[in-house]
Amino acid sequence: MKTLKYIAAAIMIVFALFGCSEDVKEMPPRVSDINDNFILPTPPKLTNAESDMVEAKREAYYEVYGN
C-alpha cells in the first residue's frame, strides 16, 4: 500500500512538471509606434473669488518665507 502511494505521488509530480513545460513568451512583442508625448487638458479658468483667494495665500506665503 505504501508503494502505491509513492507511485501515485510520482505520477502526479510528473504530470505537474509536464504542465509547466509549455513554451511561454515572457515578453510581449515590441511596439515601435508608441507615442510618448502627453497632452494635458487645459485647466478651467478661475473665478475672480478664486483668483483673489490664491493671491491672498501667495501674499501670506511671501510674507512668511520671502521670495
C-alpha atoms as a PDB file:
ATOM      1  CA  MET A   1       0.000   0.000   0.000  1.00  0.00           C
ATOM      2  CA  LYS A   2       2.895   2.311   0.795  1.00  0.00           C
ATOM      3  CA  THR A   3       4.464   1.787  -2.623  1.00  0.00           C
ATOM      4  CA  LEU A   4       1.132   2.591  -4.292  1.00  0.00           C
ATOM      5  CA  LYS A   5       1.133   5.999  -2.564  1.00  0.00           C
ATOM      6  CA  TYR A   6       4.688   6.684  -3.763  1.00  0.00           C
ATOM      7  CA  ILE A   7       3.824   5.671  -7.315  1.00  0.00           C
ATOM      8  CA  ALA A   8       0.713   7.880  -7.280  1.00  0.00           C
ATOM      9  CA  ALA A   9       2.739  10.792  -5.905  1.00  0.00           C
ATOM     10  CA  ALA A  10       5.433  10.289  -8.555  1.00  0.00           C
ATOM     11  CA  ILE A  11       2.819  10.210 -11.320  1.00  0.00           C
ATOM     12  CA  MET A  12       1.262  13.446 -10.034  1.00  0.00           C
ATOM     13  CA  ILE A  13       4.681  15.121  -9.909  1.00  0.00           C
ATOM     14  CA  VAL A  14       5.410  14.015 -13.473  1.00  0.00           C
ATOM     15  CA  PHE A  15       2.088  15.435 -14.700  1.00  0.00           C
ATOM     16  CA  ALA A  16       2.712  18.663 -12.808  1.00  0.00           C
ATOM     17  CA  LEU A  17       6.134  19.024 -14.413  1.00  0.00           C
ATOM     18  CA  PHE A  18       4.721  18.317 -17.869  1.00  0.00           C
ATOM     19  CA  GLY A  19       2.123  21.008 -17.299  1.00  0.00           C
ATOM     20  CA  CYS A  20       4.844  23.587 -16.605  1.00  0.00           C
ATOM     21  CA  SER A  21       6.854  22.848 -19.733  1.00  0.00           C
ATOM     22  CA  GLU A  22       4.813  24.919 -22.185  1.00  0.00           C
ATOM     23  CA  ASP A  23       6.611  27.381 -24.428  1.00  0.00           C
ATOM     24  CA  VAL A  24       5.583  30.658 -22.827  1.00  0.00           C
ATOM     25  CA  LYS A  25       6.618  34.030 -24.225  1.00  0.00           C
ATOM     26  CA  GLU A  26       7.620  36.093 -21.237  1.00  0.00           C
ATOM     27  CA  MET A  27       7.883  39.416 -23.073  1.00  0.00           C
ATOM     28  CA  PRO A  28       5.199  40.932 -25.291  1.00  0.00           C
ATOM     29  CA  PRO A  29       6.226  41.902 -28.818  1.00  0.00           C
ATOM     30  CA  ARG A  30       7.952  45.273 -29.069  1.00  0.00           C
ATOM     31  CA  VAL A  31       5.780  48.058 -30.426  1.00  0.00           C
ATOM     32  CA  SER A  32       7.639  50.747 -32.351  1.00  0.00           C
ATOM     33  CA  ASP A  33       4.803  53.210 -32.882  1.00  0.00           C
ATOM     34  CA  ILE A  34       4.319  54.215 -29.227  1.00  0.00           C
ATOM     35  CA  ASN A  35       3.641  57.898 -28.752  1.00  0.00           C
ATOM     36  CA  ASP A  36       5.147  59.243 -25.538  1.00  0.00           C
ATOM     37  CA  ASN A  37       4.002  62.847 -25.948  1.00  0.00           C
ATOM     38  CA  PHE A  38       1.256  63.508 -23.448  1.00  0.00           C
ATOM     39  CA  ILE A  39      -1.081  66.463 -23.767  1.00  0.00           C
ATOM     40  CA  LEU A  40      -2.583  67.658 -20.520  1.00  0.00           C
ATOM     41  CA  PRO A  41      -6.082  69.075 -20.623  1.00  0.00           C
ATOM     42  CA  THR A  42      -6.343  72.819 -20.196  1.00  0.00           C
ATOM     43  CA  PRO A  43      -7.217  73.746 -16.630  1.00  0.00           C
ATOM     44  CA  PRO A  44     -10.502  75.538 -16.027  1.00  0.00           C
ATOM     45  CA  LYS A  45     -10.394  79.322 -15.638  1.00  0.00           C
ATOM     46  CA  LEU A  46     -10.527  80.572 -12.065  1.00  0.00           C
ATOM     47  CA  THR A  47     -13.311  82.875 -10.988  1.00  0.00           C
ATOM     48  CA  ASN A  48     -12.473  86.268  -9.502  1.00  0.00           C
ATOM     49  CA  ALA A  49     -13.120  84.975  -5.982  1.00  0.00           C
ATOM     50  CA  GLU A  50     -10.820  82.004  -6.542  1.00  0.00           C
ATOM     51  CA  SER A  51      -8.124  84.239  -8.031  1.00  0.00           C
ATOM     52  CA  ASP A  52      -8.348  86.569  -5.014  1.00  0.00           C
ATOM     53  CA  MET A  53      -8.056  83.609  -2.635  1.00  0.00           C
ATOM     54  CA  VAL A  54      -4.970  82.286  -4.458  1.00  0.00           C
ATOM     55  CA  GLU A  55      -3.393  85.735  -4.462  1.00  0.00           C
ATOM     56  CA  ALA A  56      -4.062  86.163  -0.719  1.00  0.00           C
ATOM     57  CA  LYS A  57      -2.427  82.811   0.039  1.00  0.00           C
ATOM     58  CA  ARG A  58       0.523  83.704  -2.189  1.00  0.00           C
ATOM     59  CA  GLU A  59       0.996  87.034  -0.394  1.00  0.00           C
ATOM     60  CA  ALA A  60       0.799  85.304   3.009  1.00  0.00           C
ATOM     61  CA  TYR A  61       3.431  82.809   1.861  1.00  0.00           C
ATOM     62  CA  TYR A  62       5.742  85.576   0.638  1.00  0.00           C
ATOM     63  CA  GLU A  63       5.335  87.448   3.935  1.00  0.00           C
ATOM     64  CA  VAL A  64       6.431  84.393   5.904  1.00  0.00           C
ATOM     65  CA  TYR A  65       9.095  82.881   3.622  1.00  0.00           C
ATOM     66  CA  GLY A  66      10.034  85.739   1.285  1.00  0.00           C
ATOM     67  CA  ASN A  67      10.658  85.412  -2.432  1.00  0.00           C
END
